[in-house]
Amino acid sequence: MPSTSASGAAATPVISIADFAYKVPASVAPGAKITIKNGDSEAHTVTSKDGGFDVKIDPGSSATITAPMKAGTYKFVCTFHGNMSGTLVVQ
């Protein structure tokens, strides 16, 4: 059964940050707008290892990035916390 949102449109992909860890969607479409929500009490970044995206998210805030247009696997880190890493799959 298809899922729906309040607007009836496809849901915006979300990367959630909580307890110094990323929760990333299984995959996103090329060029998709991705909302990043920081649930921690410290600032974090979502910084692509290849320079494709880089955003700082203040505590309790959100930000938006655009997924790369080319399908692939994009590793990212938090530049403030070396133990935080994730992978964005674009397909």
PDB file of N, CA and C in Angstrom:
ATOM      1  N   MET A   1       0.848  -1.172   0.000  1.00  0.00           N
ATOM      2  CA  MET A   1       0.000   0.000   0.000  1.00  0.00           C
ATOM      3  C   MET A   1       0.898   1.242   0.000  1.00  0.00           C
ATOM      4  N   PRO A   2       0.673   2.194  -0.892  1.00  0.00           N
ATOM      5  CA  PRO A   2       1.542   3.373  -0.933  1.00  0.00           C
ATOM      6  C   PRO A   2       1.366   4.253   0.288  1.00  0.00           C
ATOM      7  N   SER A   3       2.467   4.857   0.712  1.00  0.00           N
ATOM      8  CA  SER A   3       2.379   5.764   1.847  1.00  0.00           C
ATOM      9  C   SER A   3       2.049   7.159   1.338  1.00  0.00           C
ATOM     10  N   THR A   4       1.392   7.928   2.186  1.00  0.00           N
ATOM     11  CA  THR A   4       1.039   9.289   1.812  1.00  0.00           C
ATOM     12  C   THR A   4       1.432  10.236   2.920  1.00  0.00           C
ATOM     13  N   SER A   5       1.633  11.466   2.553  1.00  0.00           N
ATOM     14  CA  SER A   5       1.899  12.498   3.543  1.00  0.00           C
ATOM     15  C   SER A   5       0.698  13.433   3.560  1.00  0.00           C
ATOM     16  N   ALA A   6       0.720  14.414   4.425  1.00  0.00           N
ATOM     17  CA  ALA A   6      -0.398  15.339   4.549  1.00  0.00           C
ATOM     18  C   ALA A   6      -0.697  16.035   3.224  1.00  0.00           C
ATOM     19  N   SER A   7       0.328  16.295   2.427  1.00  0.00           N
ATOM     20  CA  SER A   7       0.130  16.987   1.155  1.00  0.00           C
ATOM     21  C   SER A   7      -0.175  16.013   0.019  1.00  0.00           C
ATOM     22  N   GLY A   8      -0.032  14.718   0.272  1.00  0.00           N
ATOM     23  CA  GLY A   8      -0.255  13.723  -0.759  1.00  0.00           C
ATOM     24  C   GLY A   8       0.964  13.510  -1.647  1.00  0.00           C
ATOM     25  N   ALA A   9       1.986  14.295  -1.464  1.00  0.00           N
ATOM     26  CA  ALA A   9       3.207  14.175  -2.258  1.00  0.00           C
ATOM     27  C   ALA A   9       4.158  13.182  -1.601  1.00  0.00           C
ATOM     28  N   ALA A  10       5.158  12.773  -2.356  1.00  0.00           N
ATOM     29  CA  ALA A  10       6.169  11.875  -1.792  1.00  0.00           C
ATOM     30  C   ALA A  10       6.873  12.583  -0.637  1.00  0.00           C
ATOM     31  N   ALA A  11       7.162  11.842   0.388  1.00  0.00           N
ATOM     32  CA  ALA A  11       7.817  12.419   1.562  1.00  0.00           C
ATOM     33  C   ALA A  11       9.244  12.839   1.233  1.00  0.00           C
ATOM     34  N   THR A  12       9.660  13.949   1.807  1.00  0.00           N
ATOM     35  CA  THR A  12      11.040  14.412   1.658  1.00  0.00           C
ATOM     36  C   THR A  12      11.954  13.480   2.443  1.00  0.00           C
ATOM     37  N   PRO A  13      13.035  13.003   1.838  1.00  0.00           N
ATOM     38  CA  PRO A  13      13.962  12.148   2.592  1.00  0.00           C
ATOM     39  C   PRO A  13      14.576  12.934   3.756  1.00  0.00           C
ATOM     40  N   VAL A  14      14.796  12.232   4.868  1.00  0.00           N
ATOM     41  CA  VAL A  14      15.334  12.865   6.069  1.00  0.00           C
ATOM     42  C   VAL A  14      16.537  12.082   6.575  1.00  0.00           C
ATOM     43  N   ILE A  15      17.609  12.806   6.881  1.00  0.00           N
ATOM     44  CA  ILE A  15      18.728  12.257   7.639  1.00  0.00           C
ATOM     45  C   ILE A  15      18.559  12.783   9.052  1.00  0.00           C
ATOM     46  N   SER A  16      18.394  11.871  10.016  1.00  0.00           N
ATOM     47  CA  SER A  16      18.234  12.261  11.417  1.00  0.00           C
ATOM     48  C   SER A  16      19.542  12.058  12.154  1.00  0.00           C
ATOM     49  N   ILE A  17      19.834  12.983  13.059  1.00  0.00           N
ATOM     50  CA  ILE A  17      21.015  12.859  13.913  1.00  0.00           C
ATOM     51  C   ILE A  17      20.526  12.798  15.348  1.00  0.00           C
ATOM     52  N   ALA A  18      20.908  11.728  16.042  1.00  0.00           N
ATOM     53  CA  ALA A  18      20.551  11.559  17.451  1.00  0.00           C
ATOM     54  C   ALA A  18      21.622  10.706  18.118  1.00  0.00           C
ATOM     55  N   ASP A  19      21.968  11.073  19.336  1.00  0.00           N
ATOM     56  CA  ASP A  19      22.967  10.321  20.101  1.00  0.00           C
ATOM     57  C   ASP A  19      24.278  10.151  19.314  1.00  0.00           C
ATOM     58  N   PHE A  20      24.674  11.221  18.608  1.00  0.00           N
ATOM     59  CA  PHE A  20      25.926  11.238  17.846  1.00  0.00           C
ATOM     60  C   PHE A  20      25.985  10.137  16.791  1.00  0.00           C
ATOM     61  N   ALA A  21      24.835   9.894  16.129  1.00  0.00           N
ATOM     62  CA  ALA A  21      24.763   8.912  15.046  1.00  0.00           C
ATOM     63  C   ALA A  21      23.788   9.414  13.985  1.00  0.00           C
ATOM     64  N   TYR A  22      24.051   9.047  12.729  1.00  0.00           N
ATOM     65  CA  TYR A  22      23.177   9.388  11.624  1.00  0.00           C
ATOM     66  C   TYR A  22      22.199   8.247  11.369  1.00  0.00           C
ATOM     67  N   LYS A  23      20.963   8.587  11.050  1.00  0.00           N
ATOM     68  CA  LYS A  23      19.986   7.621  10.526  1.00  0.00           C
ATOM     69  C   LYS A  23      19.661   8.097   9.121  1.00  0.00           C
ATOM     70  N   VAL A  24      20.040   7.289   8.134  1.00  0.00           N
ATOM     71  CA  VAL A  24      20.006   7.702   6.735  1.00  0.00           C
ATOM     72  C   VAL A  24      18.987   6.854   5.973  1.00  0.00           C
ATOM     73  N   PRO A  25      18.224   7.463   5.039  1.00  0.00           N
ATOM     74  CA  PRO A  25      17.314   6.655   4.216  1.00  0.00           C
ATOM     75  C   PRO A  25      18.082   5.591   3.434  1.00  0.00           C
ATOM     76  N   ALA A  26      17.402   4.499   3.064  1.00  0.00           N
ATOM     77  CA  ALA A  26      18.051   3.428   2.305  1.00  0.00           C
ATOM     78  C   ALA A  26      18.634   3.964   1.004  1.00  0.00           C
ATOM     79  N   SER A  27      17.912   4.876   0.336  1.00  0.00           N
ATOM     80  CA  SER A  27      18.416   5.521  -0.871  1.00  0.00           C
ATOM     81  C   SER A  27      17.567   6.753  -1.146  1.00  0.00           C
ATOM     82  N   VAL A  28      18.105   7.636  -1.989  1.00  0.00           N
ATOM     83  CA  VAL A  28      17.385   8.828  -2.419  1.00  0.00           C
ATOM     84  C   VAL A  28      17.541   8.966  -3.925  1.00  0.00           C
ATOM     85  N   ALA A  29      16.655   9.733  -4.528  1.00  0.00           N
ATOM     86  CA  ALA A  29      16.725   9.969  -5.970  1.00  0.00           C
ATOM     87  C   ALA A  29      17.790  11.017  -6.287  1.00  0.00           C
ATOM     88  N   PRO A  30      18.389  10.953  -7.460  1.00  0.00           N
ATOM     89  CA  PRO A  30      19.345  11.990  -7.854  1.00  0.00           C
ATOM     90  C   PRO A  30      18.689  13.374  -7.794  1.00  0.00           C
ATOM     91  N   GLY A  31      19.377  14.332  -7.201  1.00  0.00           N
ATOM     92  CA  GLY A  31      18.871  15.695  -7.106  1.00  0.00           C
ATOM     93  C   GLY A  31      17.797  15.927  -6.060  1.00  0.00           C
ATOM     94  N   ALA A  32      17.497  14.916  -5.256  1.00  0.00           N
ATOM     95  CA  ALA A  32      16.451  15.057  -4.233  1.00  0.00           C
ATOM     96  C   ALA A  32      16.874  16.061  -3.165  1.00  0.00           C
ATOM     97  N   LYS A  33      15.909  16.813  -2.663  1.00  0.00           N
ATOM     98  CA  LYS A  33      16.135  17.681  -1.511  1.00  0.00           C
ATOM     99  C   LYS A  33      16.055  16.796  -0.268  1.00  0.00           C
ATOM    100  N   ILE A  34      17.064  16.869   0.587  1.00  0.00           N
ATOM    101  CA  ILE A  34      17.134  16.036   1.789  1.00  0.00           C
ATOM    102  C   ILE A  34      17.140  16.952   3.003  1.00  0.00           C
ATOM    103  N   THR A  35      16.235  16.713   3.929  1.00  0.00           N
ATOM    104  CA  THR A  35      16.208  17.465   5.177  1.00  0.00           C
ATOM    105  C   THR A  35      17.079  16.742   6.195  1.00  0.00           C
ATOM    106  N   ILE A  36      17.896  17.502   6.909  1.00  0.00           N
ATOM    107  CA  ILE A  36      18.744  16.944   7.962  1.00  0.00           C
ATOM    108  C   ILE A  36      18.267  17.538   9.274  1.00  0.00           C
ATOM    109  N   LYS A  37      17.917  16.677  10.224  1.00  0.00           N
ATOM    110  CA  LYS A  37      17.419  17.120  11.524  1.00  0.00           C
ATOM    111  C   LYS A  37      18.398  16.712  12.612  1.00  0.00           C
ATOM    112  N   ASN A  38      18.859  17.696  13.373  1.00  0.00           N
ATOM    113  CA  ASN A  38      19.809  17.438  14.454  1.00  0.00           C
ATOM    114  C   ASN A  38      19.066  17.415  15.777  1.00  0.00           C
ATOM    115  N   GLY A  39      18.913  16.236  16.357  1.00  0.00           N
ATOM    116  CA  GLY A  39      18.243  16.068  17.639  1.00  0.00           C
ATOM    117  C   GLY A  39      19.195  16.124  18.816  1.00  0.00           C
ATOM    118  N   ASP A  40      20.480  16.340  18.565  1.00  0.00           N
ATOM    119  CA  ASP A  40      21.473  16.390  19.645  1.00  0.00           C
ATOM    120  C   ASP A  40      21.601  17.797  20.214  1.00  0.00           C
ATOM    121  N   SER A  41      22.319  17.895  21.317  1.00  0.00           N
ATOM    122  CA  SER A  41      22.542  19.187  21.977  1.00  0.00           C
ATOM    123  C   SER A  41      23.842  19.848  21.525  1.00  0.00           C
ATOM    124  N   GLU A  42      24.492  19.283  20.512  1.00  0.00           N
ATOM    125  CA  GLU A  42      25.710  19.857  19.933  1.00  0.00           C
ATOM    126  C   GLU A  42      25.550  19.971  18.421  1.00  0.00           C
ATOM    127  N   ALA A  43      26.282  20.908  17.817  1.00  0.00           N
ATOM    128  CA  ALA A  43      26.262  21.069  16.363  1.00  0.00           C
ATOM    129  C   ALA A  43      26.965  19.887  15.699  1.00  0.00           C
ATOM    130  N   HIS A  44      26.515  19.570  14.488  1.00  0.00           N
ATOM    131  CA  HIS A  44      27.126  18.521  13.674  1.00  0.00           C
ATOM    132  C   HIS A  44      27.229  19.030  12.245  1.00  0.00           C
ATOM    133  N   THR A  45      27.971  18.297  11.425  1.00  0.00           N
ATOM    134  CA  THR A  45      27.994  18.560   9.986  1.00  0.00           C
ATOM    135  C   THR A  45      27.645  17.279   9.244  1.00  0.00           C
ATOM    136  N   VAL A  46      27.219  17.454   8.015  1.00  0.00           N
ATOM    137  CA  VAL A  46      27.098  16.360   7.055  1.00  0.00           C
ATOM    138  C   VAL A  46      28.008  16.795   5.908  1.00  0.00           C
ATOM    139  N   THR A  47      29.205  16.220   5.904  1.00  0.00           N
ATOM    140  CA  THR A  47      30.259  16.652   4.990  1.00  0.00           C
ATOM    141  C   THR A  47      30.687  15.474   4.116  1.00  0.00           C
ATOM    142  N   SER A  48      30.414  15.590   2.822  1.00  0.00           N
ATOM    143  CA  SER A  48      30.770  14.550   1.869  1.00  0.00           C
ATOM    144  C   SER A  48      32.277  14.444   1.750  1.00  0.00           C
ATOM    145  N   LYS A  49      32.778  13.218   1.713  1.00  0.00           N
ATOM    146  CA  LYS A  49      34.222  12.993   1.567  1.00  0.00           C
ATOM    147  C   LYS A  49      34.734  13.474   0.213  1.00  0.00           C
ATOM    148  N   ASP A  50      33.846  13.535  -0.802  1.00  0.00           N
ATOM    149  CA  ASP A  50      34.284  13.979  -2.129  1.00  0.00           C
ATOM    150  C   ASP A  50      33.938  15.443  -2.408  1.00  0.00           C
ATOM    151  N   GLY A  51      33.459  16.160  -1.406  1.00  0.00           N
ATOM    152  CA  GLY A  51      33.170  17.577  -1.575  1.00  0.00           C
ATOM    153  C   GLY A  51      31.828  17.894  -2.196  1.00  0.00           C
ATOM    154  N   GLY A  52      30.980  16.899  -2.380  1.00  0.00           N
ATOM    155  CA  GLY A  52      29.683  17.110  -3.023  1.00  0.00           C
ATOM    156  C   GLY A  52      28.680  17.899  -2.197  1.00  0.00           C
ATOM    157  N   PHE A  53      28.784  17.812  -0.870  1.00  0.00           N
ATOM    158  CA  PHE A  53      27.895  18.562   0.007  1.00  0.00           C
ATOM    159  C   PHE A  53      28.564  18.752   1.354  1.00  0.00           C
ATOM    160  N   ASP A  54      28.188  19.823   2.026  1.00  0.00           N
ATOM    161  CA  ASP A  54      28.764  20.154   3.329  1.00  0.00           C
ATOM    162  C   ASP A  54      27.824  21.139   4.006  1.00  0.00           C
ATOM    163  N   VAL A  55      27.241  20.737   5.123  1.00  0.00           N
ATOM    164  CA  VAL A  55      26.320  21.613   5.838  1.00  0.00           C
ATOM    165  C   VAL A  55      26.503  21.436   7.340  1.00  0.00           C
ATOM    166  N   LYS A  56      26.423  22.533   8.058  1.00  0.00           N
ATOM    167  CA  LYS A  56      26.459  22.517   9.528  1.00  0.00           C
ATOM    168  C   LYS A  56      25.026  22.634  10.028  1.00  0.00           C
ATOM    169  N   ILE A  57      24.681  21.816  11.028  1.00  0.00           N
ATOM    170  CA  ILE A  57      23.351  21.842  11.605  1.00  0.00           C
ATOM    171  C   ILE A  57      23.496  22.116  13.097  1.00  0.00           C
ATOM    172  N   ASP A  58      22.954  23.233  13.541  1.00  0.00           N
ATOM    173  CA  ASP A  58      23.024  23.599  14.948  1.00  0.00           C
ATOM    174  C   ASP A  58      22.144  22.681  15.787  1.00  0.00           C
ATOM    175  N   PRO A  59      22.383  22.627  17.109  1.00  0.00           N
ATOM    176  CA  PRO A  59      21.584  21.763  17.984  1.00  0.00           C
ATOM    177  C   PRO A  59      20.090  22.061  17.859  1.00  0.00           C
ATOM    178  N   GLY A  60      19.288  21.003  17.735  1.00  0.00           N
ATOM    179  CA  GLY A  60      17.843  21.146  17.660  1.00  0.00           C
ATOM    180  C   GLY A  60      17.333  21.803  16.390  1.00  0.00           C
ATOM    181  N   SER A  61      18.184  21.940  15.380  1.00  0.00           N
ATOM    182  CA  SER A  61      17.813  22.613  14.134  1.00  0.00           C
ATOM    183  C   SER A  61      17.757  21.631  12.973  1.00  0.00           C
ATOM    184  N   SER A  62      17.397  22.166  11.822  1.00  0.00           N
ATOM    185  CA  SER A  62      17.415  21.358  10.607  1.00  0.00           C
ATOM    186  C   SER A  62      18.016  22.181   9.470  1.00  0.00           C
ATOM    187  N   ALA A  63      18.425  21.486   8.427  1.00  0.00           N
ATOM    188  CA  ALA A  63      18.995  22.104   7.233  1.00  0.00           C
ATOM    189  C   ALA A  63      18.619  21.233   6.047  1.00  0.00           C
ATOM    190  N   THR A  64      18.877  21.738   4.863  1.00  0.00           N
ATOM    191  CA  THR A  64      18.547  21.000   3.648  1.00  0.00           C
ATOM    192  C   THR A  64      19.773  20.937   2.742  1.00  0.00           C
ATOM    193  N   ILE A  65      19.985  19.767   2.131  1.00  0.00           N
ATOM    194  CA  ILE A  65      21.002  19.616   1.092  1.00  0.00           C
ATOM    195  C   ILE A  65      20.332  19.026  -0.137  1.00  0.00           C
ATOM    196  N   THR A  66      21.016  19.123  -1.256  1.00  0.00           N
ATOM    197  CA  THR A  66      20.549  18.501  -2.490  1.00  0.00           C
ATOM    198  C   THR A  66      21.445  17.312  -2.787  1.00  0.00           C
ATOM    199  N   ALA A  67      20.816  16.166  -3.010  1.00  0.00           N
ATOM    200  CA  ALA A  67      21.585  14.959  -3.337  1.00  0.00           C
ATOM    201  C   ALA A  67      22.322  15.161  -4.656  1.00  0.00           C
ATOM    202  N   PRO A  68      23.473  14.519  -4.806  1.00  0.00           N
ATOM    203  CA  PRO A  68      24.185  14.587  -6.089  1.00  0.00           C
ATOM    204  C   PRO A  68      23.295  14.101  -7.235  1.00  0.00           C
ATOM    205  N   MET A  69      23.535  14.614  -8.431  1.00  0.00           N
ATOM    206  CA  MET A  69      22.749  14.219  -9.609  1.00  0.00           C
ATOM    207  C   MET A  69      23.188  12.863 -10.169  1.00  0.00           C
ATOM    208  N   LYS A  70      24.405  12.452  -9.840  1.00  0.00           N
ATOM    209  CA  LYS A  70      24.943  11.191 -10.351  1.00  0.00           C
ATOM    210  C   LYS A  70      24.671  10.067  -9.346  1.00  0.00           C
ATOM    211  N   ALA A  71      24.118   8.964  -9.831  1.00  0.00           N
ATOM    212  CA  ALA A  71      23.889   7.806  -8.970  1.00  0.00           C
ATOM    213  C   ALA A  71      25.219   7.316  -8.410  1.00  0.00           C
ATOM    214  N   GLY A  72      25.183   6.851  -7.178  1.00  0.00           N
ATOM    215  CA  GLY A  72      26.399   6.337  -6.561  1.00  0.00           C
ATOM    216  C   GLY A  72      26.275   6.293  -5.055  1.00  0.00           C
ATOM    217  N   THR A  73      27.373   5.978  -4.415  1.00  0.00           N
ATOM    218  CA  THR A  73      27.456   5.880  -2.967  1.00  0.00           C
ATOM    219  C   THR A  73      28.367   6.995  -2.475  1.00  0.00           C
ATOM    220  N   TYR A  74      27.851   7.807  -1.575  1.00  0.00           N
ATOM    221  CA  TYR A  74      28.570   8.983  -1.089  1.00  0.00           C
ATOM    222  C   TYR A  74      28.782   8.875   0.416  1.00  0.00           C
ATOM    223  N   LYS A  75      30.030   8.718   0.804  1.00  0.00           N
ATOM    224  CA  LYS A  75      30.362   8.641   2.230  1.00  0.00           C
ATOM    225  C   LYS A  75      30.456  10.055   2.784  1.00  0.00           C
ATOM    226  N   PHE A  76      29.977  10.227   4.032  1.00  0.00           N
ATOM    227  CA  PHE A  76      30.059  11.533   4.672  1.00  0.00           C
ATOM    228  C   PHE A  76      30.410  11.380   6.139  1.00  0.00           C
ATOM    229  N   VAL A  77      30.870  12.486   6.731  1.00  0.00           N
ATOM    230  CA  VAL A  77      31.307  12.503   8.123  1.00  0.00           C
ATOM    231  C   VAL A  77      30.812  13.779   8.799  1.00  0.00           C
ATOM    232  N   CYS A  78      30.941  13.790  10.118  1.00  0.00           N
ATOM    233  CA  CYS A  78      30.786  15.021  10.892  1.00  0.00           C
ATOM    234  C   CYS A  78      32.194  15.535  11.152  1.00  0.00           C
ATOM    235  N   THR A  79      32.487  16.741  10.704  1.00  0.00           N
ATOM    236  CA  THR A  79      33.837  17.264  10.876  1.00  0.00           C
ATOM    237  C   THR A  79      34.149  17.592  12.333  1.00  0.00           C
ATOM    238  N   PHE A  80      33.113  17.718  13.178  1.00  0.00           N
ATOM    239  CA  PHE A  80      33.322  17.999  14.599  1.00  0.00           C
ATOM    240  C   PHE A  80      33.541  16.737  15.420  1.00  0.00           C
ATOM    241  N   HIS A  81      33.002  15.609  14.952  1.00  0.00           N
ATOM    242  CA  HIS A  81      33.027  14.365  15.737  1.00  0.00           C
ATOM    243  C   HIS A  81      33.494  13.225  14.832  1.00  0.00           C
ATOM    244  N   GLY A  82      34.766  12.850  14.950  1.00  0.00           N
ATOM    245  CA  GLY A  82      35.385  11.869  14.074  1.00  0.00           C
ATOM    246  C   GLY A  82      34.759  10.494  14.088  1.00  0.00           C
ATOM    247  N   ASN A  83      33.983  10.169  15.126  1.00  0.00           N
ATOM    248  CA  ASN A  83      33.350   8.851  15.209  1.00  0.00           C
ATOM    249  C   ASN A  83      32.047   8.790  14.435  1.00  0.00           C
ATOM    250  N   MET A  84      31.584   9.910  13.887  1.00  0.00           N
ATOM    251  CA  MET A  84      30.307   9.944  13.156  1.00  0.00           C
ATOM    252  C   MET A  84      30.554   9.841  11.657  1.00  0.00           C
ATOM    253  N   SER A  85      29.941   8.846  11.031  1.00  0.00           N
ATOM    254  CA  SER A  85      30.035   8.700   9.583  1.00  0.00           C
ATOM    255  C   SER A  85      28.758   8.049   9.071  1.00  0.00           C
ATOM    256  N   GLY A  86      28.524   8.224   7.791  1.00  0.00           N
ATOM    257  CA  GLY A  86      27.347   7.635   7.166  1.00  0.00           C
ATOM    258  C   GLY A  86      27.568   7.513   5.669  1.00  0.00           C
ATOM    259  N   THR A  87      26.599   6.917   4.996  1.00  0.00           N
ATOM    260  CA  THR A  87      26.659   6.732   3.553  1.00  0.00           C
ATOM    261  C   THR A  87      25.315   7.097   2.949  1.00  0.00           C
ATOM    262  N   LEU A  88      25.354   7.955   1.938  1.00  0.00           N
ATOM    263  CA  LEU A  88      24.154   8.320   1.190  1.00  0.00           C
ATOM    264  C   LEU A  88      24.184   7.569  -0.137  1.00  0.00           C
ATOM    265  N   VAL A  89      23.143   6.786  -0.392  1.00  0.00           N
ATOM    266  CA  VAL A  89      23.033   6.038  -1.660  1.00  0.00           C
ATOM    267  C   VAL A  89      22.073   6.800  -2.562  1.00  0.00           C
ATOM    268  N   VAL A  90      22.567   7.176  -3.723  1.00  0.00           N
ATOM    269  CA  VAL A  90      21.757   7.878  -4.714  1.00  0.00           C
ATOM    270  C   VAL A  90      21.491   6.906  -5.854  1.00  0.00           C
ATOM    271  N   GLN A  91      20.200   6.672  -6.149  1.00  0.00           N
ATOM    272  CA  GLN A  91      19.852   5.750  -7.245  1.00  0.00           C
ATOM    273  C   GLN A  91      18.513   6.114  -7.859  1.00  0.00           C
TER     274      GLN A  91
END
